[in-house]
């Protein structure tokens, strides 16, 4: 009878330890870089703020892909005359969308500006090496 009781205590203790190890490992996994939104120092913060979607959607692609998709959408949604008829966003008529679209368009425009700035810096460095 006493052996049976000791065996059950050991099993409970082992289960508790195993559970703590699993939960601790899961916590480390969540804090690891694979669970964070991507970033790229070659793009400005304004660009990244506009093109990177919220977590967990941001985990699906890298920064250049999000920039490419955003620049493509900007050709339809960021027209000088404010025409949104070609914009594919299902919320394009909502007040929230209209309030934020100008800021988003400026952020997406900063992506190509920051990328061309990086290219200019690299070409200047190469010219200096000659």
N, C-alpha and C. Protein backbone atom coordinates (compact mmCIF):
# COMPACT_ATOMS: atom_id res chain seq x y z
N UNK A 1 0.82 -1.18 0.00
CA UNK A 1 0.00 0.00 0.00
C UNK A 1 0.87 1.26 0.00
N UNK A 2 1.90 1.24 0.84
CA UNK A 2 2.81 2.38 0.93
C UNK A 2 3.58 2.56 -0.37
N UNK A 3 3.98 1.45 -1.00
CA UNK A 3 4.69 1.51 -2.27
C UNK A 3 3.82 2.17 -3.35
N UNK A 4 2.56 1.80 -3.36
CA UNK A 4 1.63 2.35 -4.33
C UNK A 4 1.50 3.86 -4.15
N UNK A 5 1.43 4.30 -2.92
CA UNK A 5 1.33 5.73 -2.61
C UNK A 5 2.58 6.48 -3.07
N UNK A 6 3.76 5.91 -2.80
CA UNK A 6 5.01 6.53 -3.23
C UNK A 6 5.12 6.59 -4.75
N UNK A 7 4.65 5.55 -5.41
CA UNK A 7 4.68 5.51 -6.87
C UNK A 7 3.80 6.62 -7.46
N UNK A 8 2.62 6.81 -6.89
CA UNK A 8 1.72 7.87 -7.36
C UNK A 8 2.31 9.25 -7.12
N UNK A 9 2.97 9.43 -5.98
CA UNK A 9 3.61 10.72 -5.69
C UNK A 9 4.71 11.02 -6.71
N UNK A 10 5.51 10.01 -7.03
CA UNK A 10 6.58 10.18 -8.01
C UNK A 10 6.01 10.53 -9.39
N UNK A 11 4.93 9.85 -9.76
CA UNK A 11 4.30 10.13 -11.05
C UNK A 11 3.80 11.57 -11.11
N UNK A 12 3.16 12.03 -10.05
CA UNK A 12 2.66 13.41 -10.01
C UNK A 12 3.81 14.41 -10.09
N UNK A 13 4.87 14.11 -9.36
CA UNK A 13 6.03 14.99 -9.37
C UNK A 13 6.65 15.04 -10.77
N UNK A 14 6.80 13.89 -11.40
CA UNK A 14 7.36 13.85 -12.76
C UNK A 14 6.46 14.58 -13.76
N UNK A 15 5.14 14.42 -13.63
CA UNK A 15 4.21 15.14 -14.51
C UNK A 15 4.35 16.64 -14.33
N UNK A 16 4.45 17.07 -13.08
CA UNK A 16 4.60 18.50 -12.81
C UNK A 16 5.89 19.06 -13.40
N UNK A 17 6.97 18.32 -13.23
CA UNK A 17 8.26 18.76 -13.78
C UNK A 17 8.20 18.81 -15.30
N UNK A 18 7.62 17.79 -15.91
CA UNK A 18 7.49 17.75 -17.36
C UNK A 18 6.64 18.92 -17.87
N UNK A 19 5.56 19.20 -17.19
CA UNK A 19 4.69 20.31 -17.57
C UNK A 19 5.43 21.64 -17.49
N UNK A 20 6.19 21.84 -16.43
CA UNK A 20 6.98 23.07 -16.29
C UNK A 20 8.02 23.20 -17.40
N UNK A 21 8.66 22.10 -17.74
CA UNK A 21 9.66 22.12 -18.82
C UNK A 21 9.00 22.48 -20.14
N UNK A 22 7.86 21.86 -20.43
CA UNK A 22 7.16 22.15 -21.68
C UNK A 22 6.69 23.59 -21.75
N UNK A 23 6.10 24.09 -20.67
CA UNK A 23 5.63 25.47 -20.66
C UNK A 23 6.80 26.45 -20.76
N UNK A 24 7.88 26.15 -20.10
CA UNK A 24 9.07 27.01 -20.19
C UNK A 24 9.64 27.02 -21.59
N UNK A 25 9.69 25.87 -22.23
CA UNK A 25 10.17 25.79 -23.60
C UNK A 25 9.27 26.54 -24.56
N UNK A 26 7.97 26.46 -24.34
CA UNK A 26 7.03 27.19 -25.19
C UNK A 26 7.20 28.69 -25.02
N UNK A 27 7.45 29.13 -23.79
CA UNK A 27 7.69 30.55 -23.54
C UNK A 27 8.94 31.05 -24.25
N UNK A 28 9.98 30.25 -24.24
CA UNK A 28 11.21 30.61 -24.95
C UNK A 28 10.94 30.67 -26.44
N UNK A 29 10.16 29.73 -26.95
CA UNK A 29 9.82 29.71 -28.38
C UNK A 29 9.08 30.98 -28.77
N UNK A 30 8.13 31.41 -27.94
CA UNK A 30 7.37 32.62 -28.23
C UNK A 30 8.24 33.87 -28.22
N UNK A 31 9.28 33.86 -27.39
CA UNK A 31 10.16 35.03 -27.29
C UNK A 31 11.25 35.02 -28.35
N UNK A 32 11.40 33.93 -29.06
CA UNK A 32 12.47 33.84 -30.06
C UNK A 32 12.15 34.71 -31.27
N UNK A 33 13.16 34.98 -32.07
CA UNK A 33 13.00 35.88 -33.20
C UNK A 33 12.08 35.33 -34.28
N UNK A 34 11.87 34.04 -34.31
CA UNK A 34 11.00 33.48 -35.34
C UNK A 34 9.54 33.84 -35.09
N UNK A 35 9.21 34.33 -33.93
CA UNK A 35 7.84 34.71 -33.63
C UNK A 35 7.66 36.23 -33.61
N UNK A 36 8.64 36.97 -34.12
CA UNK A 36 8.56 38.43 -34.17
C UNK A 36 8.37 38.89 -35.60
N UNK A 37 7.75 40.04 -35.76
CA UNK A 37 7.57 40.60 -37.09
C UNK A 37 8.93 40.92 -37.70
N UNK A 38 9.05 40.76 -39.01
CA UNK A 38 10.34 41.02 -39.65
C UNK A 38 10.68 42.50 -39.65
N UNK A 39 11.95 42.80 -39.77
CA UNK A 39 12.40 44.18 -39.86
C UNK A 39 13.60 44.21 -40.80
N UNK A 40 13.90 45.40 -41.30
CA UNK A 40 15.00 45.55 -42.25
C UNK A 40 15.52 46.98 -42.12
N UNK A 41 16.77 47.12 -41.71
CA UNK A 41 17.34 48.44 -41.47
C UNK A 41 17.52 49.27 -42.74
N UNK A 42 17.39 48.65 -43.90
CA UNK A 42 17.55 49.41 -45.14
C UNK A 42 16.29 50.20 -45.48
N UNK A 43 15.21 50.00 -44.72
CA UNK A 43 13.97 50.77 -44.92
C UNK A 43 13.76 51.70 -43.73
N UNK A 44 13.16 52.84 -44.00
CA UNK A 44 12.92 53.82 -42.94
C UNK A 44 11.84 53.32 -41.99
N UNK A 45 11.82 53.85 -40.76
CA UNK A 45 10.77 53.46 -39.81
C UNK A 45 9.36 53.80 -40.31
N UNK A 46 9.23 54.92 -41.05
CA UNK A 46 7.92 55.30 -41.60
C UNK A 46 7.43 54.25 -42.59
N UNK A 47 8.36 53.77 -43.40
CA UNK A 47 8.03 52.72 -44.37
C UNK A 47 7.58 51.46 -43.65
N UNK A 48 8.37 51.00 -42.70
CA UNK A 48 8.06 49.76 -42.00
C UNK A 48 6.73 49.85 -41.26
N UNK A 49 6.45 51.00 -40.68
CA UNK A 49 5.19 51.18 -39.96
C UNK A 49 3.99 51.03 -40.90
N UNK A 50 4.16 51.47 -42.13
CA UNK A 50 3.05 51.42 -43.09
C UNK A 50 2.88 50.06 -43.75
N UNK A 51 3.97 49.37 -44.02
CA UNK A 51 3.86 48.15 -44.83
C UNK A 51 3.78 46.85 -44.03
N UNK A 52 4.27 46.82 -42.80
CA UNK A 52 4.26 45.58 -42.01
C UNK A 52 2.90 45.43 -41.33
N UNK A 53 2.16 44.37 -41.65
CA UNK A 53 0.86 44.16 -41.01
C UNK A 53 1.03 43.73 -39.55
N UNK A 54 -0.05 43.74 -38.79
CA UNK A 54 0.05 43.35 -37.38
C UNK A 54 0.38 41.86 -37.23
N UNK A 55 0.88 41.53 -36.02
CA UNK A 55 1.17 40.15 -35.67
C UNK A 55 -0.14 39.39 -35.58
N UNK A 56 -0.29 38.21 -36.02
CA UNK A 56 0.66 37.24 -36.55
C UNK A 56 0.77 37.27 -38.08
N UNK A 57 0.01 38.13 -38.74
CA UNK A 57 0.05 38.18 -40.21
C UNK A 57 1.45 38.53 -40.69
N UNK A 58 2.16 39.34 -39.92
CA UNK A 58 3.51 39.76 -40.32
C UNK A 58 4.49 38.60 -40.40
N UNK A 59 4.15 37.46 -39.83
CA UNK A 59 5.05 36.30 -39.83
C UNK A 59 5.06 35.57 -41.17
N UNK A 60 4.11 35.88 -42.05
CA UNK A 60 3.96 35.12 -43.29
C UNK A 60 4.96 35.47 -44.38
N UNK A 61 5.52 36.69 -44.36
CA UNK A 61 6.43 37.12 -45.43
C UNK A 61 7.58 37.93 -44.86
N UNK A 62 8.52 38.29 -45.72
CA UNK A 62 9.63 39.15 -45.32
C UNK A 62 9.33 40.60 -45.71
N UNK A 63 10.18 41.51 -45.28
CA UNK A 63 9.95 42.94 -45.51
C UNK A 63 9.87 43.27 -47.00
N UNK A 64 10.81 42.81 -47.85
CA UNK A 64 10.70 43.17 -49.27
C UNK A 64 9.37 42.74 -49.91
N UNK A 65 8.82 41.62 -49.49
CA UNK A 65 7.53 41.17 -50.02
C UNK A 65 6.42 42.12 -49.59
N UNK A 66 6.41 42.52 -48.31
CA UNK A 66 5.40 43.46 -47.84
C UNK A 66 5.54 44.80 -48.54
N UNK A 67 6.77 45.24 -48.77
CA UNK A 67 7.00 46.51 -49.48
C UNK A 67 6.47 46.40 -50.90
N UNK A 68 6.78 45.31 -51.57
CA UNK A 68 6.33 45.11 -52.95
C UNK A 68 4.80 45.13 -53.04
N UNK A 69 4.13 44.42 -52.14
CA UNK A 69 2.66 44.38 -52.14
C UNK A 69 2.08 45.76 -51.84
N UNK A 70 2.68 46.47 -50.91
CA UNK A 70 2.18 47.80 -50.54
C UNK A 70 2.38 48.79 -51.67
N UNK A 71 3.53 48.73 -52.33
CA UNK A 71 3.76 49.63 -53.46
C UNK A 71 2.79 49.34 -54.60
N UNK A 72 2.47 48.07 -54.79
CA UNK A 72 1.48 47.71 -55.81
C UNK A 72 0.11 48.27 -55.44
N UNK A 73 -0.29 48.13 -54.19
CA UNK A 73 -1.58 48.65 -53.73
C UNK A 73 -1.60 50.17 -53.80
N UNK A 74 -0.46 50.81 -53.56
CA UNK A 74 -0.40 52.27 -53.58
C UNK A 74 -0.68 52.82 -54.98
N UNK A 75 -0.36 52.07 -56.02
CA UNK A 75 -0.66 52.54 -57.38
C UNK A 75 -2.16 52.67 -57.60
N UNK A 76 -2.95 51.92 -56.84
CA UNK A 76 -4.41 51.99 -56.97
C UNK A 76 -5.06 52.87 -55.90
N UNK A 77 -4.45 52.95 -54.72
CA UNK A 77 -5.10 53.62 -53.58
C UNK A 77 -4.54 54.99 -53.25
N UNK A 78 -3.44 55.38 -53.86
CA UNK A 78 -2.78 56.64 -53.50
C UNK A 78 -2.72 57.58 -54.71
N UNK A 79 -3.83 57.84 -55.30
CA UNK A 79 -3.87 58.71 -56.47
C UNK A 79 -3.92 60.17 -56.03
N UNK A 80 -3.31 61.03 -56.84
CA UNK A 80 -3.26 62.48 -56.54
C UNK A 80 -4.67 63.06 -56.38
N UNK A 81 -5.60 62.62 -57.23
CA UNK A 81 -6.95 63.19 -57.20
C UNK A 81 -7.84 62.56 -56.12
N UNK A 82 -7.31 61.59 -55.37
CA UNK A 82 -8.07 60.97 -54.29
C UNK A 82 -9.06 59.91 -54.76
N UNK A 83 -8.99 59.52 -56.04
CA UNK A 83 -9.89 58.51 -56.59
C UNK A 83 -9.52 57.13 -56.03
N UNK A 84 -10.47 56.52 -55.34
CA UNK A 84 -10.24 55.20 -54.74
C UNK A 84 -10.99 54.09 -55.48
N UNK A 85 -11.50 54.38 -56.66
CA UNK A 85 -12.32 53.38 -57.37
C UNK A 85 -11.53 52.12 -57.71
N UNK A 86 -10.23 52.23 -57.96
CA UNK A 86 -9.42 51.05 -58.29
C UNK A 86 -8.85 50.36 -57.06
N UNK A 87 -8.96 50.99 -55.90
CA UNK A 87 -8.43 50.43 -54.66
C UNK A 87 -9.23 49.17 -54.30
N UNK A 88 -8.53 48.07 -54.01
CA UNK A 88 -9.19 46.79 -53.76
C UNK A 88 -9.55 46.55 -52.30
N UNK A 89 -9.20 47.47 -51.42
CA UNK A 89 -9.50 47.29 -50.00
C UNK A 89 -11.02 47.27 -49.79
N UNK A 90 -11.54 46.26 -49.12
CA UNK A 90 -12.99 46.19 -48.91
C UNK A 90 -13.52 47.28 -47.98
N UNK A 91 -12.63 47.96 -47.27
CA UNK A 91 -13.05 49.01 -46.33
C UNK A 91 -12.76 50.41 -46.86
N UNK A 92 -12.54 50.54 -48.16
CA UNK A 92 -12.10 51.82 -48.72
C UNK A 92 -13.11 52.94 -48.54
N UNK A 93 -14.36 52.62 -48.27
CA UNK A 93 -15.38 53.65 -48.07
C UNK A 93 -15.60 53.99 -46.60
N UNK A 94 -14.91 53.29 -45.71
CA UNK A 94 -15.11 53.53 -44.28
C UNK A 94 -14.37 54.80 -43.84
N UNK A 95 -14.87 55.39 -42.79
CA UNK A 95 -14.27 56.62 -42.26
C UNK A 95 -12.85 56.37 -41.75
N UNK A 96 -12.64 55.24 -41.10
CA UNK A 96 -11.31 54.91 -40.57
C UNK A 96 -10.29 54.79 -41.71
N UNK A 97 -10.67 54.14 -42.80
CA UNK A 97 -9.78 54.01 -43.95
C UNK A 97 -9.43 55.39 -44.52
N UNK A 98 -10.45 56.20 -44.73
CA UNK A 98 -10.24 57.53 -45.32
C UNK A 98 -9.35 58.38 -44.41
N UNK A 99 -9.51 58.23 -43.09
CA UNK A 99 -8.70 59.01 -42.14
C UNK A 99 -7.22 58.61 -42.16
N UNK A 100 -6.92 57.36 -42.52
CA UNK A 100 -5.54 56.86 -42.43
C UNK A 100 -4.84 56.65 -43.77
N UNK A 101 -5.57 56.75 -44.88
CA UNK A 101 -4.96 56.40 -46.17
C UNK A 101 -3.84 57.36 -46.55
N UNK A 102 -3.97 58.65 -46.26
CA UNK A 102 -2.91 59.60 -46.63
C UNK A 102 -1.60 59.29 -45.89
N UNK A 103 -1.71 59.00 -44.61
CA UNK A 103 -0.53 58.65 -43.81
C UNK A 103 0.10 57.35 -44.33
N UNK A 104 -0.75 56.39 -44.68
CA UNK A 104 -0.25 55.12 -45.22
C UNK A 104 0.48 55.35 -46.54
N UNK A 105 -0.11 56.16 -47.40
CA UNK A 105 0.51 56.45 -48.70
C UNK A 105 1.87 57.12 -48.53
N UNK A 106 1.97 58.05 -47.58
CA UNK A 106 3.26 58.70 -47.31
C UNK A 106 4.29 57.69 -46.82
N UNK A 107 3.86 56.77 -45.98
CA UNK A 107 4.76 55.74 -45.47
C UNK A 107 5.25 54.82 -46.57
N UNK A 108 4.35 54.43 -47.47
CA UNK A 108 4.74 53.56 -48.58
C UNK A 108 5.69 54.31 -49.53
N UNK A 109 5.42 55.60 -49.75
CA UNK A 109 6.32 56.40 -50.59
C UNK A 109 7.71 56.48 -49.95
N UNK A 110 7.77 56.48 -48.63
CA UNK A 110 9.07 56.52 -47.94
C UNK A 110 9.87 55.24 -48.18
N UNK A 111 9.19 54.15 -48.52
CA UNK A 111 9.90 52.89 -48.79
C UNK A 111 10.79 53.03 -50.01
N UNK A 112 10.25 53.55 -51.09
CA UNK A 112 11.07 53.68 -52.29
C UNK A 112 12.12 54.76 -52.10
N UNK A 113 11.80 55.79 -51.32
CA UNK A 113 12.79 56.84 -51.04
C UNK A 113 13.93 56.29 -50.20
N UNK A 114 13.63 55.49 -49.19
CA UNK A 114 14.70 54.95 -48.35
C UNK A 114 15.51 53.92 -49.11
N UNK A 115 14.87 53.15 -49.98
CA UNK A 115 15.60 52.16 -50.76
C UNK A 115 16.51 52.84 -51.78
N UNK A 116 16.02 53.88 -52.45
CA UNK A 116 16.87 54.57 -53.43
C UNK A 116 17.99 55.31 -52.72
N UNK A 117 17.75 55.78 -51.49
CA UNK A 117 18.80 56.43 -50.71
C UNK A 117 19.91 55.42 -50.41
N UNK A 118 19.53 54.19 -50.05
CA UNK A 118 20.53 53.14 -49.79
C UNK A 118 21.34 52.85 -51.05
N UNK A 119 20.68 52.79 -52.21
CA UNK A 119 21.39 52.53 -53.46
C UNK A 119 22.37 53.66 -53.77
N UNK A 120 21.93 54.92 -53.53
CA UNK A 120 22.80 56.07 -53.77
C UNK A 120 24.03 56.01 -52.88
N UNK A 121 23.84 55.64 -51.61
CA UNK A 121 24.95 55.55 -50.68
C UNK A 121 25.94 54.47 -51.13
N UNK A 122 25.42 53.33 -51.58
CA UNK A 122 26.30 52.26 -52.04
C UNK A 122 27.07 52.67 -53.28
N UNK A 123 26.41 53.36 -54.23
CA UNK A 123 27.11 53.77 -55.44
C UNK A 123 28.17 54.82 -55.13
N UNK A 124 27.89 55.72 -54.16
CA UNK A 124 28.89 56.71 -53.76
C UNK A 124 30.09 56.02 -53.11
N UNK A 125 29.84 54.98 -52.32
CA UNK A 125 30.94 54.25 -51.69
C UNK A 125 31.79 53.55 -52.74
N UNK A 126 31.13 53.00 -53.76
CA UNK A 126 31.87 52.32 -54.83
C UNK A 126 32.70 53.31 -55.64
N UNK A 127 32.14 54.51 -55.88
CA UNK A 127 32.88 55.54 -56.62
C UNK A 127 34.10 55.96 -55.82
N UNK A 128 33.95 56.07 -54.50
CA UNK A 128 35.06 56.46 -53.64
C UNK A 128 36.18 55.43 -53.63
N UNK A 129 35.85 54.17 -53.92
CA UNK A 129 36.85 53.12 -53.91
C UNK A 129 37.71 53.10 -55.18
N UNK A 130 37.20 53.72 -56.23
CA UNK A 130 37.94 53.69 -57.51
C UNK A 130 39.11 54.62 -57.52
